[in-house]
Amino acid sequence: MTADPFTIQVECYAGYRTDETPRRFFMGAKAIEIQEVIDRWLAPDYRYFKVRAGGNDIYLLRHDELAQRWELTLFQSGKYEGNPLSST
């Protein structure tokens, strides 16, 4: 069973291309500051960013460049004591 992604608002550093690197994102009125981009990769229809925020929380953000839409596709709490999400 796959959950629907959650649409979010993202502020990015804009380098040579628009929305190059996410810096913070908003879930409702709550701002989440990104401390580190752990990984990034391209897929045929999306760009993905695995990021770390405060409390060692891990988020997987997906950017649909055609629709200009950002989605939160995965969250792992920094309080989780199991293995961290693998980049492989």
C-alpha atoms as a PDB file:
ATOM      1  CA  MET A   1       0.000   0.000   0.000  1.00  0.00           C
ATOM      2  CA  THR A   2       1.428   3.355  -1.021  1.00  0.00           C
ATOM      3  CA  ALA A   3       0.518   6.565   0.770  1.00  0.00           C
ATOM      4  CA  ASP A   4      -0.200   9.686  -1.231  1.00  0.00           C
ATOM      5  CA  PRO A   5       2.609  12.257  -1.075  1.00  0.00           C
ATOM      6  CA  PHE A   6       2.082  15.372   0.996  1.00  0.00           C
ATOM      7  CA  THR A   7       2.348  18.706  -0.891  1.00  0.00           C
ATOM      8  CA  ILE A   8       4.702  21.190   0.784  1.00  0.00           C
ATOM      9  CA  GLN A   9       6.128  24.647   0.121  1.00  0.00           C
ATOM     10  CA  VAL A  10       9.909  24.739  -0.348  1.00  0.00           C
ATOM     11  CA  GLU A  11      12.415  27.608  -0.350  1.00  0.00           C
ATOM     12  CA  CYS A  12      15.520  26.878  -2.401  1.00  0.00           C
ATOM     13  CA  TYR A  13      18.915  28.210  -3.216  1.00  0.00           C
ATOM     14  CA  ALA A  14      18.665  29.057  -6.893  1.00  0.00           C
ATOM     15  CA  GLY A  15      21.991  28.559  -8.635  1.00  0.00           C
ATOM     16  CA  TYR A  16      22.336  28.185 -12.378  1.00  0.00           C
ATOM     17  CA  ARG A  17      18.940  26.463 -12.487  1.00  0.00           C
ATOM     18  CA  THR A  18      15.693  27.272 -10.692  1.00  0.00           C
ATOM     19  CA  ASP A  19      15.043  25.510  -7.376  1.00  0.00           C
ATOM     20  CA  GLU A  20      18.508  23.994  -7.338  1.00  0.00           C
ATOM     21  CA  THR A  21      18.854  23.055  -3.648  1.00  0.00           C
ATOM     22  CA  PRO A  22      16.159  23.115  -0.932  1.00  0.00           C
ATOM     23  CA  ARG A  23      17.039  25.198   2.161  1.00  0.00           C
ATOM     24  CA  ARG A  24      13.783  25.053   4.163  1.00  0.00           C
ATOM     25  CA  PHE A  25      10.272  23.802   3.694  1.00  0.00           C
ATOM     26  CA  PHE A  26       6.885  24.446   5.223  1.00  0.00           C
ATOM     27  CA  MET A  27       4.258  22.000   6.403  1.00  0.00           C
ATOM     28  CA  GLY A  28       1.324  24.305   6.995  1.00  0.00           C
ATOM     29  CA  ALA A  29       2.704  27.197   9.052  1.00  0.00           C
ATOM     30  CA  LYS A  30       5.616  25.159  10.457  1.00  0.00           C
ATOM     31  CA  ALA A  31       9.012  25.960   8.902  1.00  0.00           C
ATOM     32  CA  ILE A  32      11.591  23.168   8.828  1.00  0.00           C
ATOM     33  CA  GLU A  33      15.195  24.269   8.312  1.00  0.00           C
ATOM     34  CA  ILE A  34      17.325  21.877   6.278  1.00  0.00           C
ATOM     35  CA  GLN A  35      20.707  21.341   7.894  1.00  0.00           C
ATOM     36  CA  GLU A  36      22.164  18.980   5.299  1.00  0.00           C
ATOM     37  CA  VAL A  37      21.392  17.567   1.880  1.00  0.00           C
ATOM     38  CA  ILE A  38      22.413  13.944   2.382  1.00  0.00           C
ATOM     39  CA  ASP A  39      21.741  12.760  -1.159  1.00  0.00           C
ATOM     40  CA  ARG A  40      20.071  13.836  -4.390  1.00  0.00           C
ATOM     41  CA  TRP A  41      19.158  12.018  -7.563  1.00  0.00           C
ATOM     42  CA  LEU A  42      17.231  12.380 -10.791  1.00  0.00           C
ATOM     43  CA  ALA A  43      14.407  10.173 -11.968  1.00  0.00           C
ATOM     44  CA  PRO A  44      12.656  10.442 -15.341  1.00  0.00           C
ATOM     45  CA  ASP A  45       9.877  12.693 -13.996  1.00  0.00           C
ATOM     46  CA  TYR A  46      11.191  13.956 -10.650  1.00  0.00           C
ATOM     47  CA  ARG A  47      14.202  15.222  -8.718  1.00  0.00           C
ATOM     48  CA  TYR A  48      14.678  13.783  -5.219  1.00  0.00           C
ATOM     49  CA  PHE A  49      16.440  15.222  -2.183  1.00  0.00           C
ATOM     50  CA  LYS A  50      17.179  13.285   0.986  1.00  0.00           C
ATOM     51  CA  VAL A  51      17.698  15.903   3.705  1.00  0.00           C
ATOM     52  CA  ARG A  52      18.425  16.117   7.432  1.00  0.00           C
ATOM     53  CA  ALA A  53      16.698  18.694   9.621  1.00  0.00           C
ATOM     54  CA  GLY A  54      16.700  19.541  13.331  1.00  0.00           C
ATOM     55  CA  GLY A  55      16.486  16.669  15.774  1.00  0.00           C
ATOM     56  CA  ASN A  56      18.303  14.490  13.229  1.00  0.00           C
ATOM     57  CA  ASP A  57      15.006  13.976  11.351  1.00  0.00           C
ATOM     58  CA  ILE A  58      15.300  12.660   7.775  1.00  0.00           C
ATOM     59  CA  TYR A  59      12.960  13.769   4.979  1.00  0.00           C
ATOM     60  CA  LEU A  60      12.677  12.681   1.366  1.00  0.00           C
ATOM     61  CA  LEU A  61      11.496  15.545  -0.839  1.00  0.00           C
ATOM     62  CA  ARG A  62      10.353  15.081  -4.422  1.00  0.00           C
ATOM     63  CA  HIS A  63      10.220  17.901  -6.973  1.00  0.00           C
ATOM     64  CA  ASP A  64       8.014  17.629 -10.043  1.00  0.00           C
ATOM     65  CA  GLU A  65       9.642  20.204 -12.325  1.00  0.00           C
ATOM     66  CA  LEU A  66       6.858  20.110 -14.943  1.00  0.00           C
ATOM     67  CA  ALA A  67       4.075  20.754 -12.425  1.00  0.00           C
ATOM     68  CA  GLN A  68       6.302  22.990 -10.228  1.00  0.00           C
ATOM     69  CA  ARG A  69       5.191  20.968  -7.203  1.00  0.00           C
ATOM     70  CA  TRP A  70       7.139  19.736  -4.174  1.00  0.00           C
ATOM     71  CA  GLU A  71       6.040  16.700  -2.170  1.00  0.00           C
ATOM     72  CA  LEU A  72       7.141  15.079   1.065  1.00  0.00           C
ATOM     73  CA  THR A  73       7.331  11.380   0.266  1.00  0.00           C
ATOM     74  CA  LEU A  74       9.018  10.006   3.389  1.00  0.00           C
ATOM     75  CA  PHE A  75       9.850  10.986   6.960  1.00  0.00           C
ATOM     76  CA  GLN A  76      12.001   9.281   9.587  1.00  0.00           C
ATOM     77  CA  SER A  77      12.171  10.717  13.081  1.00  0.00           C
ATOM     78  CA  GLY A  78      15.611  11.341  14.543  1.00  0.00           C
ATOM     79  CA  LYS A  79      14.291   9.574  17.657  1.00  0.00           C
ATOM     80  CA  TYR A  80      14.020   6.299  15.712  1.00  0.00           C
ATOM     81  CA  GLU A  81      16.574   3.878  17.117  1.00  0.00           C
ATOM     82  CA  GLY A  82      16.722   1.501  14.142  1.00  0.00           C
ATOM     83  CA  ASN A  83      18.993   1.749  11.124  1.00  0.00           C
ATOM     84  CA  PRO A  84      18.839   5.100   9.318  1.00  0.00           C
ATOM     85  CA  LEU A  85      17.352   5.200   5.865  1.00  0.00           C
ATOM     86  CA  SER A  86      19.872   3.953   3.335  1.00  0.00           C
ATOM     87  CA  SER A  87      20.802   5.972   0.266  1.00  0.00           C
ATOM     88  CA  THR A  88      21.330   2.779  -1.708  1.00  0.00           C
END
